Amino acid sequence: MKTSNFHNGSSDGRTTKTVSGARRRTVLVSVLESLRLHLPGFTHRSVQVDVMNWRSKGESLFGRLLKSSGRAPPATSRLQDLISE
């Protein structure tokens, strides 16, 4: 596995040590920023509630947004691919 230091943009000096770790971090930050835009009140608790609803109902906020847009879902989950690496 190729190793590299990717600065995470934070002021605490932490780095992501692997390419796959940097990729996962990028996806996580992107998801949280999207949740911030779409949840009425973006708090730790509101994110937890949304994730719990997703797990119990089987449909995420992003799935609902996709459905309301009329677009077809992707054939495979890019997020699942990143988590599995």
Protein backbone atom coordinates (compact mmCIF):
# COMPACT_ATOMS: atom_id res chain seq x y z
CA MET A 1 0.00 0.00 0.00
CA LYS A 2 1.34 3.39 -0.97
CA THR A 3 1.83 5.73 1.98
CA SER A 4 1.79 9.44 1.86
CA ASN A 5 1.01 12.31 4.19
CA PHE A 6 -2.14 14.19 3.27
CA HIS A 7 -2.79 17.16 5.49
CA ASN A 8 -6.43 17.11 6.53
CA GLY A 9 -6.85 20.87 6.47
CA SER A 10 -7.30 21.13 10.21
CA SER A 11 -5.09 23.19 12.45
CA ASP A 12 -4.32 20.31 14.81
CA GLY A 13 -1.53 18.96 12.60
CA ARG A 14 -3.00 15.47 12.13
CA THR A 15 -2.42 13.80 8.79
CA THR A 16 -3.97 10.87 7.01
CA LYS A 17 -1.19 8.35 6.42
CA THR A 18 -2.58 6.31 3.50
CA VAL A 19 -4.27 7.07 0.21
CA SER A 20 -7.31 4.98 1.19
CA GLY A 21 -7.47 6.75 4.56
CA ALA A 22 -7.36 10.12 2.83
CA ARG A 23 -10.11 8.99 0.48
CA ARG A 24 -12.33 7.83 3.37
CA ARG A 25 -11.74 11.09 5.22
CA THR A 26 -12.66 13.09 2.11
CA VAL A 27 -15.90 11.13 1.72
CA LEU A 28 -16.75 11.54 5.40
CA VAL A 29 -16.20 15.29 5.30
CA SER A 30 -18.25 15.54 2.10
CA VAL A 31 -21.13 13.59 3.63
CA LEU A 32 -21.10 15.72 6.78
CA GLU A 33 -21.07 18.93 4.74
CA SER A 34 -24.02 17.64 2.68
CA LEU A 35 -25.90 16.75 5.86
CA ARG A 36 -25.19 20.23 7.18
CA LEU A 37 -26.89 21.67 4.10
CA HIS A 38 -29.94 19.39 4.25
CA LEU A 39 -30.72 18.89 7.92
CA PRO A 40 -32.87 21.62 9.51
CA GLY A 41 -30.54 21.83 12.51
CA PHE A 42 -27.05 20.41 12.04
CA THR A 43 -26.02 19.01 15.39
CA HIS A 44 -24.35 15.81 16.51
CA ARG A 45 -27.77 14.61 17.67
CA SER A 46 -29.52 15.44 14.37
CA VAL A 47 -26.87 13.47 12.46
CA GLN A 48 -27.31 10.53 14.86
CA VAL A 49 -31.09 10.62 14.40
CA ASP A 50 -30.73 10.70 10.63
CA VAL A 51 -28.32 7.74 10.66
CA MET A 52 -30.62 5.77 13.00
CA ASN A 53 -33.58 6.49 10.70
CA TRP A 54 -31.51 5.39 7.72
CA ARG A 55 -30.63 2.11 9.45
CA SER A 56 -34.18 1.37 10.61
CA LYS A 57 -35.99 2.47 7.42
CA GLY A 58 -33.35 1.45 4.92
CA GLU A 59 -33.41 4.83 3.17
CA SER A 60 -30.96 7.66 3.79
CA LEU A 61 -31.51 11.38 3.49
CA PHE A 62 -29.50 11.18 0.27
CA GLY A 63 -31.73 8.35 -1.00
CA ARG A 64 -34.80 10.48 -0.36
CA LEU A 65 -33.18 13.45 -2.14
CA LEU A 66 -32.26 11.23 -5.09
CA LYS A 67 -35.78 9.80 -5.27
CA SER A 68 -37.34 13.27 -5.18
CA SER A 69 -35.04 14.36 -8.04
CA GLY A 70 -36.35 11.58 -10.28
CA ARG A 71 -32.84 10.27 -11.02
CA ALA A 72 -31.90 6.61 -10.91
CA PRO A 73 -29.61 5.45 -8.09
CA PRO A 74 -26.08 4.35 -8.98
CA ALA A 75 -25.59 0.67 -9.80
CA THR A 76 -23.03 0.28 -7.01
CA SER A 77 -22.33 2.14 -3.79
CA ARG A 78 -19.11 4.12 -4.02
CA LEU A 79 -19.22 4.63 -0.27
CA GLN A 80 -19.39 0.88 0.33
CA ASP A 81 -16.38 0.44 -1.95
CA LEU A 82 -14.40 2.96 0.11
CA ILE A 83 -15.40 1.42 3.42
CA SER A 84 -14.41 -2.07 2.23
CA GLU A 85 -10.89 -1.08 1.16
